[in-house]
PDB file of N, CA and C in Angstrom:
ATOM      1  N   UNK A   1      87.605 120.629 116.468  1.00  0.00           N
ATOM      2  CA  UNK A   1      87.838 119.234 116.310  1.00  0.00           C
ATOM      3  C   UNK A   1      86.563 118.453 116.310  1.00  0.00           C
ATOM      4  N   UNK A   2      86.323 117.528 115.383  1.00  0.00           N
ATOM      5  CA  UNK A   2      84.996 116.751 115.354  1.00  0.00           C
ATOM      6  C   UNK A   2      85.321 115.255 115.900  1.00  0.00           C
ATOM      7  N   UNK A   3      84.417 115.052 116.889  1.00  0.00           N
ATOM      8  CA  UNK A   3      84.552 113.862 117.632  1.00  0.00           C
ATOM      9  C   UNK A   3      83.206 112.989 117.438  1.00  0.00           C
ATOM     10  N   UNK A   4      83.201 112.130 116.407  1.00  0.00           N
ATOM     11  CA  UNK A   4      82.042 111.452 115.989  1.00  0.00           C
ATOM     12  C   UNK A   4      81.320 110.594 117.087  1.00  0.00           C
ATOM     13  N   UNK A   5      82.100 109.884 117.769  1.00  0.00           N
ATOM     14  CA  UNK A   5      81.627 108.914 118.726  1.00  0.00           C
ATOM     15  C   UNK A   5      81.043 109.806 120.116  1.00  0.00           C
ATOM     16  N   UNK A   6      81.751 110.794 120.371  1.00  0.00           N
ATOM     17  CA  UNK A   6      81.225 111.549 121.568  1.00  0.00           C
ATOM     18  C   UNK A   6      80.081 112.243 121.216  1.00  0.00           C
ATOM     19  N   UNK A   7      80.008 112.882 119.903  1.00  0.00           N
ATOM     20  CA  UNK A   7      78.813 113.491 119.468  1.00  0.00           C
ATOM     21  C   UNK A   7      77.625 112.524 119.464  1.00  0.00           C
ATOM     22  N   UNK A   8      77.786 111.368 119.095  1.00  0.00           N
ATOM     23  CA  UNK A   8      76.694 110.325 119.023  1.00  0.00           C
ATOM     24  C   UNK A   8      76.293 109.875 120.467  1.00  0.00           C
ATOM     25  N   UNK A   9      77.280 109.709 121.296  1.00  0.00           N
ATOM     26  CA  UNK A   9      76.951 109.254 122.715  1.00  0.00           C
ATOM     27  C   UNK A   9      76.208 110.386 123.385  1.00  0.00           C
ATOM     28  N   UNK A  10      76.516 111.625 123.095  1.00  0.00           N
ATOM     29  CA  UNK A  10      75.831 112.770 123.745  1.00  0.00           C
ATOM     30  C   UNK A  10      74.710 113.287 123.033  1.00  0.00           C
ATOM     31  N   UNK A  11      74.305 112.717 121.886  1.00  0.00           N
ATOM     32  CA  UNK A  11      73.078 112.993 121.134  1.00  0.00           C
ATOM     33  C   UNK A  11      73.239 114.439 120.751  1.00  0.00           C
ATOM     34  N   UNK A  12      74.432 114.915 120.271  1.00  0.00           N
ATOM     35  CA  UNK A  12      74.611 116.280 119.898  1.00  0.00           C
ATOM     36  C   UNK A  12      74.489 116.511 118.419  1.00  0.00           C
ATOM     37  N   UNK A  13      74.194 115.373 117.657  1.00  0.00           N
ATOM     38  CA  UNK A  13      74.107 115.440 116.236  1.00  0.00           C
ATOM     39  C   UNK A  13      75.343 115.047 115.407  1.00  0.00           C
ATOM     40  N   UNK A  14      75.294 115.157 114.161  1.00  0.00           N
ATOM     41  CA  UNK A  14      76.395 114.832 113.224  1.00  0.00           C
ATOM     42  C   UNK A  14      76.764 116.127 112.575  1.00  0.00           C
ATOM     43  N   UNK A  15      78.172 116.275 112.572  1.00  0.00           N
ATOM     44  CA  UNK A  15      78.849 117.458 111.869  1.00  0.00           C
ATOM     45  C   UNK A  15      78.435 117.373 110.425  1.00  0.00           C
ATOM     46  N   UNK A  16      78.214 118.277 109.692  1.00  0.00           N
ATOM     47  CA  UNK A  16      78.197 118.364 108.416  1.00  0.00           C
ATOM     48  C   UNK A  16      79.540 118.912 107.913  1.00  0.00           C
ATOM     49  N   UNK A  17      80.401 117.918 107.574  1.00  0.00           N
ATOM     50  CA  UNK A  17      81.804 117.875 107.351  1.00  0.00           C
ATOM     51  C   UNK A  17      82.013 118.970 106.143  1.00  0.00           C
ATOM     52  N   UNK A  18      81.274 118.716 105.033  1.00  0.00           N
ATOM     53  CA  UNK A  18      81.487 119.508 103.671  1.00  0.00           C
ATOM     54  C   UNK A  18      81.295 121.096 104.139  1.00  0.00           C
ATOM     55  N   UNK A  19      80.228 121.356 104.743  1.00  0.00           N
ATOM     56  CA  UNK A  19      79.823 122.766 105.015  1.00  0.00           C
ATOM     57  C   UNK A  19      80.927 123.361 105.960  1.00  0.00           C
ATOM     58  N   UNK A  20      81.098 122.587 107.090  1.00  0.00           N
ATOM     59  CA  UNK A  20      82.106 123.163 108.231  1.00  0.00           C
ATOM     60  C   UNK A  20      83.573 123.460 107.461  1.00  0.00           C
ATOM     61  N   UNK A  21      83.837 122.429 106.645  1.00  0.00           N
ATOM     62  CA  UNK A  21      85.295 122.635 105.953  1.00  0.00           C
ATOM     63  C   UNK A  21      85.458 123.886 105.242  1.00  0.00           C
ATOM     64  N   UNK A  22      84.252 124.515 104.776  1.00  0.00           N
ATOM     65  CA  UNK A  22      84.379 125.693 103.922  1.00  0.00           C
ATOM     66  C   UNK A  22      84.626 126.776 104.870  1.00  0.00           C
ATOM     67  N   UNK A  23      84.493 126.735 106.064  1.00  0.00           N
ATOM     68  CA  UNK A  23      84.529 127.807 107.098  1.00  0.00           C
ATOM     69  C   UNK A  23      85.666 127.693 108.043  1.00  0.00           C
ATOM     70  N   UNK A  24      86.303 126.531 108.280  1.00  0.00           N
ATOM     71  CA  UNK A  24      87.239 126.211 109.326  1.00  0.00           C
ATOM     72  C   UNK A  24      88.091 125.048 108.885  1.00  0.00           C
ATOM     73  N   UNK A  25      89.251 124.758 109.617  1.00  0.00           N
ATOM     74  CA  UNK A  25      90.070 123.726 109.480  1.00  0.00           C
ATOM     75  C   UNK A  25      89.506 122.661 110.563  1.00  0.00           C
ATOM     76  N   UNK A  26      88.947 121.643 110.024  1.00  0.00           N
ATOM     77  CA  UNK A  26      88.360 120.453 110.669  1.00  0.00           C
ATOM     78  C   UNK A  26      89.266 119.407 111.002  1.00  0.00           C
ATOM     79  N   UNK A  27      89.555 119.115 112.266  1.00  0.00           N
ATOM     80  CA  UNK A  27      90.483 117.954 112.641  1.00  0.00           C
ATOM     81  C   UNK A  27      89.572 116.892 113.372  1.00  0.00           C
ATOM     82  N   UNK A  28      90.041 115.813 113.500  1.00  0.00           N
ATOM     83  CA  UNK A  28      89.353 114.776 114.183  1.00  0.00           C
ATOM     84  C   UNK A  28      89.987 114.536 115.506  1.00  0.00           C
ATOM     85  N   UNK A  29      89.049 114.246 116.479  1.00  0.00           N
ATOM     86  CA  UNK A  29      89.663 114.001 117.825  1.00  0.00           C
ATOM     87  C   UNK A  29      88.722 112.888 118.508  1.00  0.00           C
ATOM     88  N   UNK A  30      89.106 112.579 119.612  1.00  0.00           N
ATOM     89  CA  UNK A  30      88.469 111.500 120.476  1.00  0.00           C
ATOM     90  C   UNK A  30      87.788 112.022 121.526  1.00  0.00           C
ATOM     91  N   UNK A  31      87.907 113.211 121.949  1.00  0.00           N
ATOM     92  CA  UNK A  31      87.238 113.751 123.179  1.00  0.00           C
ATOM     93  C   UNK A  31      87.853 113.041 124.305  1.00  0.00           C
ATOM     94  N   UNK A  32      87.070 112.774 125.253  1.00  0.00           N
ATOM     95  CA  UNK A  32      87.652 112.206 126.480  1.00  0.00           C
ATOM     96  C   UNK A  32      86.867 110.764 126.912  1.00  0.00           C
ATOM     97  N   UNK A  33      87.471 110.038 127.743  1.00  0.00           N
ATOM     98  CA  UNK A  33      86.846 108.799 128.215  1.00  0.00           C
ATOM     99  C   UNK A  33      85.316 108.960 128.873  1.00  0.00           C
ATOM    100  N   UNK A  34      85.246 110.114 129.307  1.00  0.00           N
ATOM    101  CA  UNK A  34      83.826 110.278 130.058  1.00  0.00           C
ATOM    102  C   UNK A  34      82.704 110.234 128.935  1.00  0.00           C
ATOM    103  N   UNK A  35      83.066 110.443 127.620  1.00  0.00           N
ATOM    104  CA  UNK A  35      81.986 110.413 126.710  1.00  0.00           C
ATOM    105  C   UNK A  35      82.427 109.531 125.374  1.00  0.00           C
ATOM    106  N   UNK A  36      83.248 108.502 125.784  1.00  0.00           N
ATOM    107  CA  UNK A  36      83.821 107.651 124.704  1.00  0.00           C
ATOM    108  C   UNK A  36      84.316 106.262 125.278  1.00  0.00           C
ATOM    109  N   UNK A  37      84.442 105.315 124.416  1.00  0.00           N
ATOM    110  CA  UNK A  37      84.937 103.960 124.777  1.00  0.00           C
ATOM    111  C   UNK A  37      86.344 103.745 124.776  1.00  0.00           C
ATOM    112  N   UNK A  38      87.049 104.561 124.004  1.00  0.00           N
ATOM    113  CA  UNK A  38      88.484 104.509 123.893  1.00  0.00           C
ATOM    114  C   UNK A  38      89.068 105.814 123.418  1.00  0.00           C
ATOM    115  N   UNK A  39      90.498 105.929 123.403  1.00  0.00           N
ATOM    116  CA  UNK A  39      91.071 107.192 122.816  1.00  0.00           C
ATOM    117  C   UNK A  39      91.719 106.781 121.503  1.00  0.00           C
ATOM    118  N   UNK A  40      91.317 105.669 120.930  1.00  0.00           N
ATOM    119  CA  UNK A  40      91.852 105.263 119.627  1.00  0.00           C
ATOM    120  C   UNK A  40      91.422 106.157 118.454  1.00  0.00           C
ATOM    121  N   UNK A  41      92.242 106.777 117.759  1.00  0.00           N
ATOM    122  CA  UNK A  41      91.811 107.754 116.631  1.00  0.00           C
ATOM    123  C   UNK A  41      91.380 106.811 115.482  1.00  0.00           C
ATOM    124  N   UNK A  42      91.911 105.549 115.482  1.00  0.00           N
ATOM    125  CA  UNK A  42      91.354 104.619 114.439  1.00  0.00           C
ATOM    126  C   UNK A  42      89.956 104.202 114.670  1.00  0.00           C
ATOM    127  N   UNK A  43      89.588 104.022 115.952  1.00  0.00           N
ATOM    128  CA  UNK A  43      88.202 103.821 116.370  1.00  0.00           C
ATOM    129  C   UNK A  43      87.396 104.912 115.968  1.00  0.00           C
ATOM    130  N   UNK A  44      87.880 106.049 116.273  1.00  0.00           N
ATOM    131  CA  UNK A  44      87.113 107.349 115.820  1.00  0.00           C
ATOM    132  C   UNK A  44      86.866 107.494 114.377  1.00  0.00           C
ATOM    133  N   UNK A  45      87.888 107.163 113.500  1.00  0.00           N
ATOM    134  CA  UNK A  45      87.687 107.256 112.140  1.00  0.00           C
ATOM    135  C   UNK A  45      86.651 106.213 111.688  1.00  0.00           C
ATOM    136  N   UNK A  46      86.743 104.994 112.234  1.00  0.00           N
ATOM    137  CA  UNK A  46      85.818 103.907 111.933  1.00  0.00           C
ATOM    138  C   UNK A  46      84.387 104.332 112.196  1.00  0.00           C
ATOM    139  N   UNK A  47      84.164 105.045 113.290  1.00  0.00           N
ATOM    140  CA  UNK A  47      82.989 105.552 113.687  1.00  0.00           C
ATOM    141  C   UNK A  47      82.413 106.657 112.681  1.00  0.00           C
ATOM    142  N   UNK A  48      83.340 107.488 112.275  1.00  0.00           N
ATOM    143  CA  UNK A  48      83.161 108.400 111.241  1.00  0.00           C
ATOM    144  C   UNK A  48      82.649 107.854 109.962  1.00  0.00           C
ATOM    145  N   UNK A  49      83.177 106.724 109.540  1.00  0.00           N
ATOM    146  CA  UNK A  49      82.826 106.044 108.325  1.00  0.00           C
ATOM    147  C   UNK A  49      81.436 105.667 108.594  1.00  0.00           C
ATOM    148  N   UNK A  50      80.975 105.172 109.713  1.00  0.00           N
ATOM    149  CA  UNK A  50      79.552 104.612 109.882  1.00  0.00           C
ATOM    150  C   UNK A  50      78.619 105.715 110.010  1.00  0.00           C
ATOM    151  N   UNK A  51      78.989 106.785 110.595  1.00  0.00           N
ATOM    152  CA  UNK A  51      78.066 107.896 110.967  1.00  0.00           C
ATOM    153  C   UNK A  51      77.840 108.892 109.777  1.00  0.00           C
ATOM    154  N   UNK A  52      78.842 109.155 108.933  1.00  0.00           N
ATOM    155  CA  UNK A  52      78.700 110.071 107.760  1.00  0.00           C
ATOM    156  C   UNK A  52      78.240 109.283 106.602  1.00  0.00           C
ATOM    157  N   UNK A  53      76.991 109.036 106.379  1.00  0.00           N
ATOM    158  CA  UNK A  53      76.490 108.224 105.270  1.00  0.00           C
ATOM    159  C   UNK A  53      76.201 109.019 103.975  1.00  0.00           C
ATOM    160  N   UNK A  54      76.539 110.275 104.091  1.00  0.00           N
ATOM    161  CA  UNK A  54      76.155 110.989 102.871  1.00  0.00           C
ATOM    162  C   UNK A  54      77.247 111.352 101.779  1.00  0.00           C
ATOM    163  N   UNK A  55      78.429 110.720 102.201  1.00  0.00           N
ATOM    164  CA  UNK A  55      79.599 110.777 101.302  1.00  0.00           C
ATOM    165  C   UNK A  55      80.086 109.352 100.842  1.00  0.00           C
ATOM    166  N   UNK A  56      80.584 109.390  99.716  1.00  0.00           N
ATOM    167  CA  UNK A  56      81.175 107.992  99.093  1.00  0.00           C
ATOM    168  C   UNK A  56      82.145 107.690 100.044  1.00  0.00           C
ATOM    169  N   UNK A  57      82.216 106.410 100.435  1.00  0.00           N
ATOM    170  CA  UNK A  57      83.192 105.738 101.298  1.00  0.00           C
ATOM    171  C   UNK A  57      84.659 106.167 101.057  1.00  0.00           C
ATOM    172  N   UNK A  58      85.061 105.977  99.743  1.00  0.00           N
ATOM    173  CA  UNK A  58      86.411 106.297  99.518  1.00  0.00           C
ATOM    174  C   UNK A  58      86.804 107.841  99.830  1.00  0.00           C
ATOM    175  N   UNK A  59      85.960 108.687  99.459  1.00  0.00           N
ATOM    176  CA  UNK A  59      86.103 110.140  99.653  1.00  0.00           C
ATOM    177  C   UNK A  59      86.118 110.494 101.021  1.00  0.00           C
ATOM    178  N   UNK A  60      85.145 109.858 101.768  1.00  0.00           N
ATOM    179  CA  UNK A  60      84.973 110.056 103.220  1.00  0.00           C
ATOM    180  C   UNK A  60      86.267 109.606 103.930  1.00  0.00           C
ATOM    181  N   UNK A  61      86.697 108.381 103.633  1.00  0.00           N
ATOM    182  CA  UNK A  61      87.941 107.847 104.239  1.00  0.00           C
ATOM    183  C   UNK A  61      89.125 108.727 103.993  1.00  0.00           C
ATOM    184  N   UNK A  62      89.252 109.373 102.816  1.00  0.00           N
ATOM    185  CA  UNK A  62      90.423 110.197 102.531  1.00  0.00           C
ATOM    186  C   UNK A  62      90.256 111.527 103.362  1.00  0.00           C
ATOM    187  N   UNK A  63      89.085 111.998 103.464  1.00  0.00           N
ATOM    188  CA  UNK A  63      88.844 113.169 104.288  1.00  0.00           C
ATOM    189  C   UNK A  63      89.074 112.824 105.738  1.00  0.00           C
ATOM    190  N   UNK A  64      88.544 111.806 106.270  1.00  0.00           N
ATOM    191  CA  UNK A  64      88.882 111.346 107.757  1.00  0.00           C
ATOM    192  C   UNK A  64      90.373 111.276 108.024  1.00  0.00           C
ATOM    193  N   UNK A  65      90.998 110.795 107.003  1.00  0.00           N
ATOM    194  CA  UNK A  65      92.488 110.556 107.268  1.00  0.00           C
ATOM    195  C   UNK A  65      93.169 111.954 107.326  1.00  0.00           C
ATOM    196  N   UNK A  66      92.815 112.884 106.373  1.00  0.00           N
ATOM    197  CA  UNK A  66      93.279 114.140 106.302  1.00  0.00           C
ATOM    198  C   UNK A  66      92.971 115.012 107.669  1.00  0.00           C
ATOM    199  N   UNK A  67      91.812 114.760 108.115  1.00  0.00           N
ATOM    200  CA  UNK A  67      91.355 115.311 109.368  1.00  0.00           C
ATOM    201  C   UNK A  67      92.350 114.947 110.546  1.00  0.00           C
ATOM    202  N   UNK A  68      92.830 113.744 110.386  1.00  0.00           N
ATOM    203  CA  UNK A  68      93.637 113.060 111.529  1.00  0.00           C
ATOM    204  C   UNK A  68      95.001 113.492 111.489  1.00  0.00           C
ATOM    205  N   UNK A  69      95.433 113.948 110.235  1.00  0.00           N
ATOM    206  CA  UNK A  69      96.961 114.140 110.025  1.00  0.00           C
ATOM    207  C   UNK A  69      97.202 115.556 109.669  1.00  0.00           C
ATOM    208  N   UNK A  70      96.905 116.051 108.417  1.00  0.00           N
ATOM    209  CA  UNK A  70      97.277 117.303 108.033  1.00  0.00           C
ATOM    210  C   UNK A  70      96.514 118.409 108.741  1.00  0.00           C
ATOM    211  N   UNK A  71      95.214 118.130 108.874  1.00  0.00           N
ATOM    212  CA  UNK A  71      94.351 119.196 109.480  1.00  0.00           C
ATOM    213  C   UNK A  71      94.744 119.284 110.922  1.00  0.00           C
ATOM    214  N   UNK A  72      94.895 118.118 111.681  1.00  0.00           N
ATOM    215  CA  UNK A  72      95.242 118.027 113.059  1.00  0.00           C
ATOM    216  C   UNK A  72      96.476 118.768 113.359  1.00  0.00           C
ATOM    217  N   UNK A  73      97.493 118.487 112.450  1.00  0.00           N
ATOM    218  CA  UNK A  73      98.810 119.305 112.705  1.00  0.00           C
ATOM    219  C   UNK A  73      98.698 120.643 112.400  1.00  0.00           C
ATOM    220  N   UNK A  74      97.894 121.100 111.557  1.00  0.00           N
ATOM    221  CA  UNK A  74      97.594 122.567 111.219  1.00  0.00           C
ATOM    222  C   UNK A  74      96.937 123.149 112.540  1.00  0.00           C
ATOM    223  N   UNK A  75      95.964 122.534 112.998  1.00  0.00           N
ATOM    224  CA  UNK A  75      95.277 122.949 114.164  1.00  0.00           C
ATOM    225  C   UNK A  75      96.102 123.160 115.503  1.00  0.00           C
ATOM    226  N   UNK A  76      97.058 122.319 115.714  1.00  0.00           N
ATOM    227  CA  UNK A  76      98.088 122.320 116.717  1.00  0.00           C
ATOM    228  C   UNK A  76      99.303 123.087 116.418  1.00  0.00           C
ATOM    229  N   UNK A  77      99.409 123.767 115.275  1.00  0.00           N
ATOM    230  CA  UNK A  77     100.527 124.515 114.853  1.00  0.00           C
ATOM    231  C   UNK A  77     101.790 123.748 114.661  1.00  0.00           C
ATOM    232  N   UNK A  78     101.638 122.372 114.295  1.00  0.00           N
ATOM    233  CA  UNK A  78     102.881 121.593 114.202  1.00  0.00           C
ATOM    234  C   UNK A  78     103.220 121.681 112.603  1.00  0.00           C
ATOM    235  N   UNK A  79     104.473 121.617 112.329  1.00  0.00           N
ATOM    236  CA  UNK A  79     104.921 121.457 110.998  1.00  0.00           C
ATOM    237  C   UNK A  79     104.999 120.066 110.506  1.00  0.00           C
ATOM    238  N   UNK A  80     103.920 119.285 110.465  1.00  0.00           N
ATOM    239  CA  UNK A  80     103.989 117.877 110.182  1.00  0.00           C
ATOM    240  C   UNK A  80     102.456 117.569 109.514  1.00  0.00           C
ATOM    241  N   UNK A  81     102.161 116.366 109.659  1.00  0.00           N
ATOM    242  CA  UNK A  81     100.892 115.931 109.218  1.00  0.00           C
ATOM    243  C   UNK A  81     100.762 115.453 107.780  1.00  0.00           C
ATOM    244  N   UNK A  82     101.951 115.568 107.012  1.00  0.00           N
ATOM    245  CA  UNK A  82     102.008 115.248 105.525  1.00  0.00           C
ATOM    246  C   UNK A  82     103.541 114.969 105.237  1.00  0.00           C
ATOM    247  N   UNK A  83     103.543 114.153 104.177  1.00  0.00           N
ATOM    248  CA  UNK A  83     104.874 113.652 103.703  1.00  0.00           C
ATOM    249  C   UNK A  83     105.291 114.710 102.567  1.00  0.00           C
ATOM    250  N   UNK A  84     106.259 115.687 103.060  1.00  0.00           N
ATOM    251  CA  UNK A  84     106.574 116.749 102.084  1.00  0.00           C
ATOM    252  C   UNK A  84     107.881 117.288 102.579  1.00  0.00           C
ATOM    253  N   UNK A  85     108.657 117.737 101.497  1.00  0.00           N
ATOM    254  CA  UNK A  85     110.040 118.312 101.806  1.00  0.00           C
ATOM    255  C   UNK A  85     109.768 119.379 102.782  1.00  0.00           C
ATOM    256  N   UNK A  86     110.496 119.561 103.832  1.00  0.00           N
ATOM    257  CA  UNK A  86     110.511 120.624 104.776  1.00  0.00           C
ATOM    258  C   UNK A  86     109.619 120.292 106.032  1.00  0.00           C
ATOM    259  N   UNK A  87     108.795 119.342 105.868  1.00  0.00           N
ATOM    260  CA  UNK A  87     107.952 118.968 107.108  1.00  0.00           C
ATOM    261  C   UNK A  87     108.647 118.017 108.049  1.00  0.00           C
ATOM    262  N   UNK A  88     108.177 117.874 109.309  1.00  0.00           N
ATOM    263  CA  UNK A  88     108.788 116.962 110.327  1.00  0.00           C
ATOM    264  C   UNK A  88     108.625 115.701 109.821  1.00  0.00           C
ATOM    265  N   UNK A  89     109.588 114.784 109.962  1.00  0.00           N
ATOM    266  CA  UNK A  89     109.514 113.379 109.517  1.00  0.00           C
ATOM    267  C   UNK A  89     108.907 112.551 110.779  1.00  0.00           C
ATOM    268  N   UNK A  90     107.711 112.794 111.003  1.00  0.00           N
ATOM    269  CA  UNK A  90     106.918 111.977 112.000  1.00  0.00           C
ATOM    270  C   UNK A  90     105.988 111.086 111.161  1.00  0.00           C
ATOM    271  N   UNK A  91     106.406 109.672 111.055  1.00  0.00           N
ATOM    272  CA  UNK A  91     105.654 108.925 110.287  1.00  0.00           C
ATOM    273  C   UNK A  91     105.324 107.559 111.141  1.00  0.00           C
ATOM    274  N   UNK A  92     104.184 107.017 110.990  1.00  0.00           N
ATOM    275  CA  UNK A  92     103.790 105.779 111.421  1.00  0.00           C
ATOM    276  C   UNK A  92     103.534 104.801 110.194  1.00  0.00           C
ATOM    277  N   UNK A  93     104.114 103.532 110.333  1.00  0.00           N
ATOM    278  CA  UNK A  93     103.936 102.578 109.163  1.00  0.00           C
ATOM    279  C   UNK A  93     102.972 101.483 109.703  1.00  0.00           C
ATOM    280  N   UNK A  94     102.076 101.130 108.652  1.00  0.00           N
ATOM    281  CA  UNK A  94     101.039 100.093 109.047  1.00  0.00           C
ATOM    282  C   UNK A  94     101.112  99.065 107.954  1.00  0.00           C
ATOM    283  N   UNK A  95     100.698  97.839 108.380  1.00  0.00           N
ATOM    284  CA  UNK A  95     100.497  96.739 107.370  1.00  0.00           C
ATOM    285  C   UNK A  95      99.077  96.669 106.843  1.00  0.00           C
ATOM    286  N   UNK A  96      98.885  96.487 105.517  1.00  0.00           N
ATOM    287  CA  UNK A  96      97.530  96.401 104.985  1.00  0.00           C
ATOM    288  C   UNK A  96      97.170  94.955 104.608  1.00  0.00           C
ATOM    289  N   UNK A  97      96.016  94.726 104.523  1.00  0.00           N
ATOM    290  CA  UNK A  97      95.676  93.294 104.197  1.00  0.00           C
ATOM    291  C   UNK A  97      96.151  92.950 102.690  1.00  0.00           C
ATOM    292  N   UNK A  98      96.353  91.618 102.460  1.00  0.00           N
ATOM    293  CA  UNK A  98      96.647  91.307 101.144  1.00  0.00           C
ATOM    294  C   UNK A  98      95.504  91.622 100.234  1.00  0.00           C
ATOM    295  N   UNK A  99      95.924  92.022  99.051  1.00  0.00           N
ATOM    296  CA  UNK A  99      94.871  92.568  98.096  1.00  0.00           C
ATOM    297  C   UNK A  99      94.453  93.830  98.199  1.00  0.00           C
ATOM    298  N   UNK A 100      94.954  94.730  99.022  1.00  0.00           N
ATOM    299  CA  UNK A 100      94.655  96.111  99.106  1.00  0.00           C
ATOM    300  C   UNK A 100      94.948  96.983  97.946  1.00  0.00           C
ATOM    301  N   UNK A 101      94.062  97.780  97.492  1.00  0.00           N
ATOM    302  CA  UNK A 101      94.523  98.561  96.168  1.00  0.00           C
ATOM    303  C   UNK A 101      94.706 100.052  96.569  1.00  0.00           C
ATOM    304  N   UNK A 102      95.743 100.609  95.872  1.00  0.00           N
ATOM    305  CA  UNK A 102      96.048 101.969  96.178  1.00  0.00           C
ATOM    306  C   UNK A 102      94.744 102.970  96.106  1.00  0.00           C
ATOM    307  N   UNK A 103      93.779 102.572  95.293  1.00  0.00           N
ATOM    308  CA  UNK A 103      92.585 103.503  95.139  1.00  0.00           C
ATOM    309  C   UNK A 103      91.747 103.539  96.361  1.00  0.00           C
ATOM    310  N   UNK A 104      91.881 102.453  97.232  1.00  0.00           N
ATOM    311  CA  UNK A 104      91.169 102.223  98.453  1.00  0.00           C
ATOM    312  C   UNK A 104      92.028 102.359  99.655  1.00  0.00           C
ATOM    313  N   UNK A 105      93.240 103.012  99.566  1.00  0.00           N
ATOM    314  CA  UNK A 105      94.341 102.939 100.639  1.00  0.00           C
ATOM    315  C   UNK A 105      93.635 103.514 101.936  1.00  0.00           C
ATOM    316  N   UNK A 106      93.091 104.701 101.838  1.00  0.00           N
ATOM    317  CA  UNK A 106      92.620 105.374 103.054  1.00  0.00           C
ATOM    318  C   UNK A 106      91.546 104.483 103.690  1.00  0.00           C
ATOM    319  N   UNK A 107      90.562 104.020 103.068  1.00  0.00           N
ATOM    320  CA  UNK A 107      89.541 103.156 103.550  1.00  0.00           C
ATOM    321  C   UNK A 107      90.181 101.759 104.235  1.00  0.00           C
ATOM    322  N   UNK A 108      91.041 101.233 103.482  1.00  0.00           N
ATOM    323  CA  UNK A 108      91.607 100.081 104.058  1.00  0.00           C
ATOM    324  C   UNK A 108      92.479 100.372 105.282  1.00  0.00           C
ATOM    325  N   UNK A 109      93.185 101.436 105.444  1.00  0.00           N
ATOM    326  CA  UNK A 109      93.861 101.792 106.619  1.00  0.00           C
ATOM    327  C   UNK A 109      92.970 102.028 107.729  1.00  0.00           C
ATOM    328  N   UNK A 110      91.704 102.645 107.466  1.00  0.00           N
ATOM    329  CA  UNK A 110      90.696 103.077 108.560  1.00  0.00           C
ATOM    330  C   UNK A 110      90.198 101.545 108.992  1.00  0.00           C
ATOM    331  N   UNK A 111      89.739 100.696 108.140  1.00  0.00           N
ATOM    332  CA  UNK A 111      88.999  99.562 108.353  1.00  0.00           C
ATOM    333  C   UNK A 111      89.948  98.434 109.076  1.00  0.00           C
ATOM    334  N   UNK A 112      91.231  98.462 108.660  1.00  0.00           N
ATOM    335  CA  UNK A 112      92.024  97.262 109.134  1.00  0.00           C
ATOM    336  C   UNK A 112      93.112  97.723 110.038  1.00  0.00           C
ATOM    337  N   UNK A 113      93.318  98.887 110.440  1.00  0.00           N
ATOM    338  CA  UNK A 113      94.471  99.252 111.373  1.00  0.00           C
ATOM    339  C   UNK A 113      94.151  99.139 112.818  1.00  0.00           C
ATOM    340  N   UNK A 114      94.952  98.548 113.530  1.00  0.00           N
ATOM    341  CA  UNK A 114      94.875  98.428 114.944  1.00  0.00           C
ATOM    342  C   UNK A 114      96.088  99.287 115.656  1.00  0.00           C
ATOM    343  N   UNK A 115      97.232  98.846 115.196  1.00  0.00           N
ATOM    344  CA  UNK A 115      98.502  99.635 115.805  1.00  0.00           C
ATOM    345  C   UNK A 115      99.592  99.699 114.605  1.00  0.00           C
ATOM    346  N   UNK A 116     100.517 100.476 114.910  1.00  0.00           N
ATOM    347  CA  UNK A 116     101.535 100.800 113.986  1.00  0.00           C
ATOM    348  C   UNK A 116     102.517  99.667 114.012  1.00  0.00           C
ATOM    349  N   UNK A 117     103.249  99.369 112.906  1.00  0.00           N
ATOM    350  CA  UNK A 117     104.217  98.402 112.802  1.00  0.00           C
ATOM    351  C   UNK A 117     105.570  99.000 113.013  1.00  0.00           C
ATOM    352  N   UNK A 118     105.708 100.281 112.783  1.00  0.00           N
ATOM    353  CA  UNK A 118     106.891 100.918 113.158  1.00  0.00           C
ATOM    354  C   UNK A 118     106.679 102.516 113.148  1.00  0.00           C
ATOM    355  N   UNK A 119     107.384 103.233 113.933  1.00  0.00           N
ATOM    356  CA  UNK A 119     107.254 104.600 114.146  1.00  0.00           C
ATOM    357  C   UNK A 119     108.385 105.571 114.057  1.00  0.00           C
ATOM    358  N   UNK A 120     108.395 106.577 113.277  1.00  0.00           N
ATOM    359  CA  UNK A 120     109.510 107.424 113.127  1.00  0.00           C
ATOM    360  C   UNK A 120     109.165 108.727 113.728  1.00  0.00           C
ATOM    361  N   UNK A 121     109.829 109.408 114.541  1.00  0.00           N
ATOM    362  CA  UNK A 121     109.501 110.731 115.102  1.00  0.00           C
ATOM    363  C   UNK A 121     110.929 111.617 114.711  1.00  0.00           C
ATOM    364  N   UNK A 122     110.645 112.621 114.165  1.00  0.00           N
ATOM    365  CA  UNK A 122     111.725 113.505 113.619  1.00  0.00           C
ATOM    366  C   UNK A 122     112.714 112.857 112.808  1.00  0.00           C
ATOM    367  N   UNK A 123     112.346 111.811 112.129  1.00  0.00           N
ATOM    368  CA  UNK A 123     113.060 110.974 111.228  1.00  0.00           C
ATOM    369  C   UNK A 123     114.025 109.841 111.814  1.00  0.00           C
ATOM    370  N   UNK A 124     113.686 109.782 113.213  1.00  0.00           N
ATOM    371  CA  UNK A 124     114.511 108.693 113.960  1.00  0.00           C
ATOM    372  C   UNK A 124     113.577 107.665 114.295  1.00  0.00           C
ATOM    373  N   UNK A 125     113.846 106.344 114.042  1.00  0.00           N
ATOM    374  CA  UNK A 125     113.028 105.149 114.258  1.00  0.00           C
ATOM    375  C   UNK A 125     112.895 104.998 115.759  1.00  0.00           C
ATOM    376  N   UNK A 126     111.661 104.938 116.310  1.00  0.00           N
ATOM    377  CA  UNK A 126     111.383 104.760 117.614  1.00  0.00           C
ATOM    378  C   UNK A 126     111.055 103.171 117.938  1.00  0.00           C
ATOM    379  N   UNK A 127     110.520 102.520 116.844  1.00  0.00           N
ATOM    380  CA  UNK A 127     110.320 101.042 117.002  1.00  0.00           C
ATOM    381  C   UNK A 127     110.051 100.517 115.531  1.00  0.00           C
TER     382      UNK A 127
END
């Protein structure tokens, strides 16, 4: 698991995501409150956007989103993390700002999301 804010606070350096991904499934995490300000995965992705300056923003945003969904599910052995036939129907829905474009979907989600508008677990609506 890559925890950008914790790594920064503990001065442990910045993960080279491109190189690490060649050898391992990299998921995004928040670490714990002893080395972090919150456990918000959205805050962690926003920090990743600021810390990893060597990658185009849209590409980095897509990578961070995959690290938080598909890669995290794979790391935990869950059959979820992507919208695909045969996968668990665990889906969080978010509102995007007016004028958001499909080409910048991942970046807009990371920059503007605070909380889910609705949540489905196993295909059942929770809220």
